Amino acid sequence: MEHIVTVQDAVTAFADLIEPTDAELGAIELESPVIVAEVDLLDAQIKAMDHPANDVDARRIRRARNRVLAARRDLTNRTAGAIVPGGAA
């Protein structure tokens, strides 16, 4: 019979490696506006599925989609300057 303690020791031995690094947390924080905008778009699409299509839902989805595009654009512009430090020749 195998004891659960041996399995727990094997899992907790790598606990330090499972946690996200500071760089990974920074990347998540940098991408959080995009994530929030995508969740808002998904919410708008789900609301539109609950009843027949109307102009208000179409407008809500269009605005949410525009916020996603703007957030992606801002993220791309922020990271584009960080990728090439000092300028390329």
N, C-alpha and C. Protein backbone atom coordinates (compact mmCIF):
# COMPACT_ATOMS: atom_id res chain seq x y z
N MET A 1 0.84 -1.18 0.00
CA MET A 1 0.00 0.00 0.00
C MET A 1 0.88 1.24 0.00
N GLU A 2 0.62 2.13 -0.91
CA GLU A 2 1.42 3.35 -1.02
C GLU A 2 0.77 4.44 -0.18
N HIS A 3 1.57 5.10 0.62
CA HIS A 3 1.05 6.13 1.49
C HIS A 3 0.98 7.45 0.76
N ILE A 4 0.00 8.24 1.10
CA ILE A 4 -0.20 9.53 0.46
C ILE A 4 0.90 10.51 0.82
N VAL A 5 1.59 10.29 1.92
CA VAL A 5 2.66 11.18 2.35
C VAL A 5 3.77 11.20 1.32
N THR A 6 4.09 10.08 0.72
CA THR A 6 5.16 10.05 -0.27
C THR A 6 4.77 10.86 -1.50
N VAL A 7 3.52 10.83 -1.89
CA VAL A 7 3.06 11.61 -3.03
C VAL A 7 3.10 13.10 -2.69
N GLN A 8 2.71 13.44 -1.46
CA GLN A 8 2.72 14.84 -1.04
C GLN A 8 4.14 15.38 -1.04
N ASP A 9 5.09 14.59 -0.58
CA ASP A 9 6.49 15.02 -0.59
C ASP A 9 6.97 15.29 -2.02
N ALA A 10 6.56 14.46 -2.95
CA ALA A 10 6.97 14.64 -4.34
C ALA A 10 6.36 15.92 -4.93
N VAL A 11 5.13 16.22 -4.57
CA VAL A 11 4.47 17.40 -5.10
C VAL A 11 5.02 18.67 -4.46
N THR A 12 5.19 18.67 -3.15
CA THR A 12 5.65 19.88 -2.47
C THR A 12 7.13 20.14 -2.69
N ALA A 13 7.87 19.18 -3.19
CA ALA A 13 9.29 19.41 -3.46
C ALA A 13 9.47 20.44 -4.57
N PHE A 14 8.48 20.53 -5.47
CA PHE A 14 8.56 21.47 -6.59
C PHE A 14 7.69 22.70 -6.37
N ALA A 15 7.27 22.96 -5.15
CA ALA A 15 6.37 24.08 -4.87
C ALA A 15 6.99 25.42 -5.26
N ASP A 16 8.27 25.58 -5.08
CA ASP A 16 8.93 26.84 -5.45
C ASP A 16 8.94 27.05 -6.96
N LEU A 17 8.99 25.96 -7.70
CA LEU A 17 9.01 26.06 -9.16
C LEU A 17 7.62 26.27 -9.74
N ILE A 18 6.59 25.99 -8.98
CA ILE A 18 5.21 26.12 -9.46
C ILE A 18 4.75 27.57 -9.41
N GLU A 19 5.24 28.34 -8.47
CA GLU A 19 4.83 29.73 -8.32
C GLU A 19 5.31 30.56 -9.51
N PRO A 20 4.52 31.54 -9.94
CA PRO A 20 4.96 32.39 -11.06
C PRO A 20 6.12 33.29 -10.64
N THR A 21 6.99 33.54 -11.57
CA THR A 21 8.13 34.41 -11.30
C THR A 21 7.69 35.88 -11.37
N ASP A 22 8.56 36.78 -10.95
CA ASP A 22 8.24 38.20 -11.01
C ASP A 22 8.04 38.65 -12.46
N ALA A 23 8.80 38.09 -13.37
CA ALA A 23 8.64 38.44 -14.78
C ALA A 23 7.29 37.99 -15.32
N GLU A 24 6.86 36.80 -14.92
CA GLU A 24 5.55 36.30 -15.36
C GLU A 24 4.42 37.14 -14.76
N LEU A 25 4.54 37.51 -13.50
CA LEU A 25 3.53 38.37 -12.88
C LEU A 25 3.50 39.75 -13.55
N GLY A 26 4.66 40.25 -13.91
CA GLY A 26 4.73 41.53 -14.62
C GLY A 26 4.05 41.46 -15.98
N ALA A 27 4.25 40.34 -16.68
CA ALA A 27 3.62 40.16 -17.99
C ALA A 27 2.10 40.08 -17.85
N ILE A 28 1.63 39.40 -16.82
CA ILE A 28 0.19 39.30 -16.58
C ILE A 28 -0.38 40.68 -16.28
N GLU A 29 0.33 41.45 -15.46
CA GLU A 29 -0.13 42.79 -15.12
C GLU A 29 -0.15 43.69 -16.36
N LEU A 30 0.83 43.52 -17.22
CA LEU A 30 0.89 44.30 -18.45
C LEU A 30 -0.27 43.96 -19.37
N GLU A 31 -0.67 42.69 -19.40
CA GLU A 31 -1.74 42.23 -20.28
C GLU A 31 -3.12 42.34 -19.66
N SER A 32 -3.23 42.74 -18.41
CA SER A 32 -4.53 42.76 -17.74
C SER A 32 -5.57 43.65 -18.42
N PRO A 33 -5.23 44.81 -19.00
CA PRO A 33 -6.27 45.57 -19.70
C PRO A 33 -6.88 44.80 -20.88
N VAL A 34 -6.06 44.03 -21.58
CA VAL A 34 -6.56 43.22 -22.69
C VAL A 34 -7.47 42.13 -22.16
N ILE A 35 -7.08 41.50 -21.08
CA ILE A 35 -7.88 40.43 -20.49
C ILE A 35 -9.23 40.96 -20.04
N VAL A 36 -9.23 42.10 -19.37
CA VAL A 36 -10.48 42.70 -18.91
C VAL A 36 -11.38 43.06 -20.09
N ALA A 37 -10.80 43.63 -21.15
CA ALA A 37 -11.59 44.00 -22.32
C ALA A 37 -12.18 42.77 -23.01
N GLU A 38 -11.41 41.68 -23.07
CA GLU A 38 -11.92 40.45 -23.67
C GLU A 38 -13.04 39.84 -22.84
N VAL A 39 -12.94 39.92 -21.53
CA VAL A 39 -14.01 39.42 -20.66
C VAL A 39 -15.27 40.26 -20.86
N ASP A 40 -15.12 41.58 -20.98
CA ASP A 40 -16.27 42.45 -21.24
C ASP A 40 -16.93 42.12 -22.57
N LEU A 41 -16.13 41.83 -23.59
CA LEU A 41 -16.67 41.44 -24.89
C LEU A 41 -17.45 40.13 -24.76
N LEU A 42 -16.89 39.19 -24.06
CA LEU A 42 -17.57 37.91 -23.87
C LEU A 42 -18.88 38.11 -23.12
N ASP A 43 -18.89 38.97 -22.10
CA ASP A 43 -20.12 39.26 -21.37
C ASP A 43 -21.18 39.87 -22.29
N ALA A 44 -20.77 40.78 -23.15
CA ALA A 44 -21.72 41.40 -24.08
C ALA A 44 -22.28 40.37 -25.05
N GLN A 45 -21.43 39.46 -25.50
CA GLN A 45 -21.90 38.42 -26.43
C GLN A 45 -22.86 37.46 -25.73
N ILE A 46 -22.59 37.14 -24.48
CA ILE A 46 -23.47 36.24 -23.73
C ILE A 46 -24.82 36.91 -23.49
N LYS A 47 -24.82 38.20 -23.14
CA LYS A 47 -26.08 38.93 -22.94
C LYS A 47 -26.90 38.95 -24.21
N ALA A 48 -26.24 39.07 -25.35
CA ALA A 48 -26.96 39.13 -26.62
C ALA A 48 -27.57 37.78 -26.99
N MET A 49 -27.08 36.70 -26.46
CA MET A 49 -27.61 35.38 -26.77
C MET A 49 -28.89 35.08 -26.01
N ASP A 50 -29.19 35.83 -24.98
CA ASP A 50 -30.35 35.54 -24.14
C ASP A 50 -31.68 35.95 -24.76
N HIS A 51 -31.67 36.78 -25.78
CA HIS A 51 -32.91 37.27 -26.38
C HIS A 51 -32.67 37.59 -27.85
N PRO A 52 -33.72 37.89 -28.57
CA PRO A 52 -33.55 38.20 -30.00
C PRO A 52 -32.63 39.41 -30.20
N ALA A 53 -31.95 39.42 -31.32
CA ALA A 53 -30.99 40.48 -31.63
C ALA A 53 -31.68 41.83 -31.71
N ASN A 54 -31.00 42.86 -31.19
CA ASN A 54 -31.52 44.22 -31.29
C ASN A 54 -30.35 45.18 -31.44
N ASP A 55 -30.67 46.44 -31.67
CA ASP A 55 -29.63 47.45 -31.92
C ASP A 55 -28.76 47.72 -30.71
N VAL A 56 -29.35 47.65 -29.53
CA VAL A 56 -28.59 47.92 -28.30
C VAL A 56 -27.51 46.87 -28.10
N ASP A 57 -27.86 45.61 -28.31
CA ASP A 57 -26.87 44.55 -28.16
C ASP A 57 -25.77 44.67 -29.21
N ALA A 58 -26.15 44.99 -30.43
CA ALA A 58 -25.15 45.15 -31.49
C ALA A 58 -24.20 46.28 -31.14
N ARG A 59 -24.72 47.37 -30.62
CA ARG A 59 -23.88 48.50 -30.22
C ARG A 59 -22.97 48.12 -29.06
N ARG A 60 -23.52 47.38 -28.08
CA ARG A 60 -22.72 46.96 -26.93
C ARG A 60 -21.57 46.06 -27.36
N ILE A 61 -21.84 45.13 -28.28
CA ILE A 61 -20.79 44.23 -28.77
C ILE A 61 -19.75 45.00 -29.58
N ARG A 62 -20.21 45.93 -30.42
CA ARG A 62 -19.28 46.72 -31.23
C ARG A 62 -18.36 47.55 -30.35
N ARG A 63 -18.91 48.17 -29.32
CA ARG A 63 -18.08 48.98 -28.41
C ARG A 63 -17.11 48.10 -27.63
N ALA A 64 -17.55 46.93 -27.20
CA ALA A 64 -16.66 46.02 -26.48
C ALA A 64 -15.55 45.53 -27.39
N ARG A 65 -15.89 45.25 -28.64
CA ARG A 65 -14.87 44.80 -29.61
C ARG A 65 -13.85 45.92 -29.85
N ASN A 66 -14.33 47.16 -29.93
CA ASN A 66 -13.41 48.29 -30.12
C ASN A 66 -12.50 48.47 -28.91
N ARG A 67 -13.02 48.22 -27.70
CA ARG A 67 -12.18 48.31 -26.50
C ARG A 67 -11.10 47.22 -26.51
N VAL A 68 -11.45 46.03 -26.99
CA VAL A 68 -10.45 44.95 -27.11
C VAL A 68 -9.37 45.36 -28.09
N LEU A 69 -9.76 45.88 -29.23
CA LEU A 69 -8.77 46.30 -30.23
C LEU A 69 -7.88 47.41 -29.70
N ALA A 70 -8.47 48.37 -28.99
CA ALA A 70 -7.68 49.47 -28.43
C ALA A 70 -6.71 48.96 -27.36
N ALA A 71 -7.16 48.03 -26.53
CA ALA A 71 -6.29 47.48 -25.50
C ALA A 71 -5.14 46.69 -26.12
N ARG A 72 -5.44 45.93 -27.17
CA ARG A 72 -4.37 45.19 -27.86
C ARG A 72 -3.38 46.14 -28.52
N ARG A 73 -3.91 47.22 -29.13
CA ARG A 73 -3.03 48.22 -29.75
C ARG A 73 -2.12 48.85 -28.71
N ASP A 74 -2.69 49.23 -27.57
CA ASP A 74 -1.89 49.86 -26.52
C ASP A 74 -0.83 48.90 -25.99
N LEU A 75 -1.20 47.63 -25.83
CA LEU A 75 -0.23 46.64 -25.36
C LEU A 75 0.90 46.47 -26.38
N THR A 76 0.54 46.40 -27.65
CA THR A 76 1.56 46.25 -28.69
C THR A 76 2.49 47.45 -28.73
N ASN A 77 1.93 48.64 -28.61
CA ASN A 77 2.76 49.84 -28.63
C ASN A 77 3.66 49.92 -27.41
N ARG A 78 3.16 49.48 -26.25
CA ARG A 78 3.99 49.51 -25.04
C ARG A 78 5.12 48.50 -25.12
N THR A 79 4.83 47.30 -25.61
CA THR A 79 5.86 46.26 -25.65
C THR A 79 6.80 46.42 -26.82
N ALA A 80 6.39 47.10 -27.87
CA ALA A 80 7.28 47.30 -29.03
C ALA A 80 8.49 48.14 -28.64
N GLY A 81 8.31 49.13 -27.81
CA GLY A 81 9.43 49.94 -27.37
C GLY A 81 10.32 49.21 -26.40
N ALA A 82 9.79 48.26 -25.66
CA ALA A 82 10.57 47.52 -24.67
C ALA A 82 11.39 46.40 -25.29
N ILE A 83 10.99 45.93 -26.46
CA ILE A 83 11.69 44.80 -27.08
C ILE A 83 13.03 45.22 -27.65
N VAL A 84 13.13 46.42 -28.19
CA VAL A 84 14.37 46.88 -28.83
C VAL A 84 14.98 48.00 -28.00
N PRO A 85 15.67 47.65 -26.90
CA PRO A 85 16.29 48.69 -26.10
C PRO A 85 17.52 49.27 -26.80
N GLY A 86 17.67 50.57 -26.73
CA GLY A 86 18.84 51.22 -27.30
C GLY A 86 18.76 51.45 -28.78
N GLY A 87 17.75 50.94 -29.42
CA GLY A 87 17.58 51.16 -30.86
C GLY A 87 18.40 50.19 -31.68
N ALA A 88 17.83 49.74 -32.75
CA ALA A 88 18.53 48.81 -33.65
C ALA A 88 19.16 49.59 -34.78
N ALA A 89 20.23 49.04 -35.31
CA ALA A 89 20.96 49.71 -36.39
C ALA A 89 20.32 49.45 -37.72
